[in-house]
Amino acid sequence: MRKLSTLEMLNTKADGLSAGVIAAIAAGIAFFAGLLDGYTRPYKCR
């Protein structure tokens, strides 16, 4: 095993997606699911 230089350590990529990106995608899916549900089954306010 060899020791990485500082420049090599800065250029490594450990993960494809961060937790924030995954949370934003999940929030977008939930928003559009609610939008579709509200459009297809409109309930009047009681």
Protein backbone atom coordinates (compact mmCIF):
# COMPACT_ATOMS: atom_id res chain seq x y z
CA MET A 1 0.00 0.00 0.00
CA ARG A 2 1.32 3.43 -0.89
CA LYS A 3 0.69 6.79 0.73
CA LEU A 4 -1.37 9.26 -1.34
CA SER A 5 -0.18 12.79 -1.87
CA THR A 6 -2.34 15.76 -0.93
CA LEU A 7 -3.29 16.38 -4.56
CA GLU A 8 -4.30 12.75 -5.05
CA MET A 9 -6.45 12.84 -1.92
CA LEU A 10 -8.30 15.94 -3.13
CA ASN A 11 -9.06 14.32 -6.49
CA THR A 12 -10.57 11.09 -5.15
CA LYS A 13 -14.32 10.61 -5.35
CA ALA A 14 -15.74 8.40 -2.64
CA ASP A 15 -19.46 8.57 -3.37
CA GLY A 16 -21.68 9.23 -6.36
CA LEU A 17 -24.58 10.95 -4.57
CA SER A 18 -24.62 12.84 -1.31
CA ALA A 19 -27.35 12.54 1.31
CA GLY A 20 -28.69 15.98 0.39
CA VAL A 21 -29.17 15.01 -3.24
CA ILE A 22 -30.98 11.83 -2.26
CA ALA A 23 -33.23 13.78 0.15
CA ALA A 24 -34.03 16.34 -2.56
CA ILE A 25 -34.96 13.60 -5.03
CA ALA A 26 -37.19 11.90 -2.43
CA ALA A 27 -38.86 15.24 -1.59
CA GLY A 28 -39.50 15.90 -5.28
CA ILE A 29 -41.06 12.47 -5.76
CA ALA A 30 -43.29 12.96 -2.69
CA PHE A 31 -44.34 16.42 -3.89
CA PHE A 32 -45.29 15.24 -7.36
CA ALA A 33 -47.12 12.20 -5.94
CA GLY A 34 -49.19 14.54 -3.74
CA LEU A 35 -49.80 16.89 -6.65
CA LEU A 36 -51.01 14.02 -8.83
CA ASP A 37 -53.20 12.67 -6.03
CA GLY A 38 -54.75 16.07 -5.42
CA TYR A 39 -55.42 16.57 -9.12
CA THR A 40 -57.01 13.15 -9.67
CA ARG A 41 -59.05 13.07 -6.41
CA PRO A 42 -59.98 16.63 -5.47
CA TYR A 43 -61.65 16.87 -2.05
CA LYS A 44 -63.52 19.97 -1.01
CA CYS A 45 -62.64 21.66 2.26
CA ARG A 46 -64.96 20.76 5.12
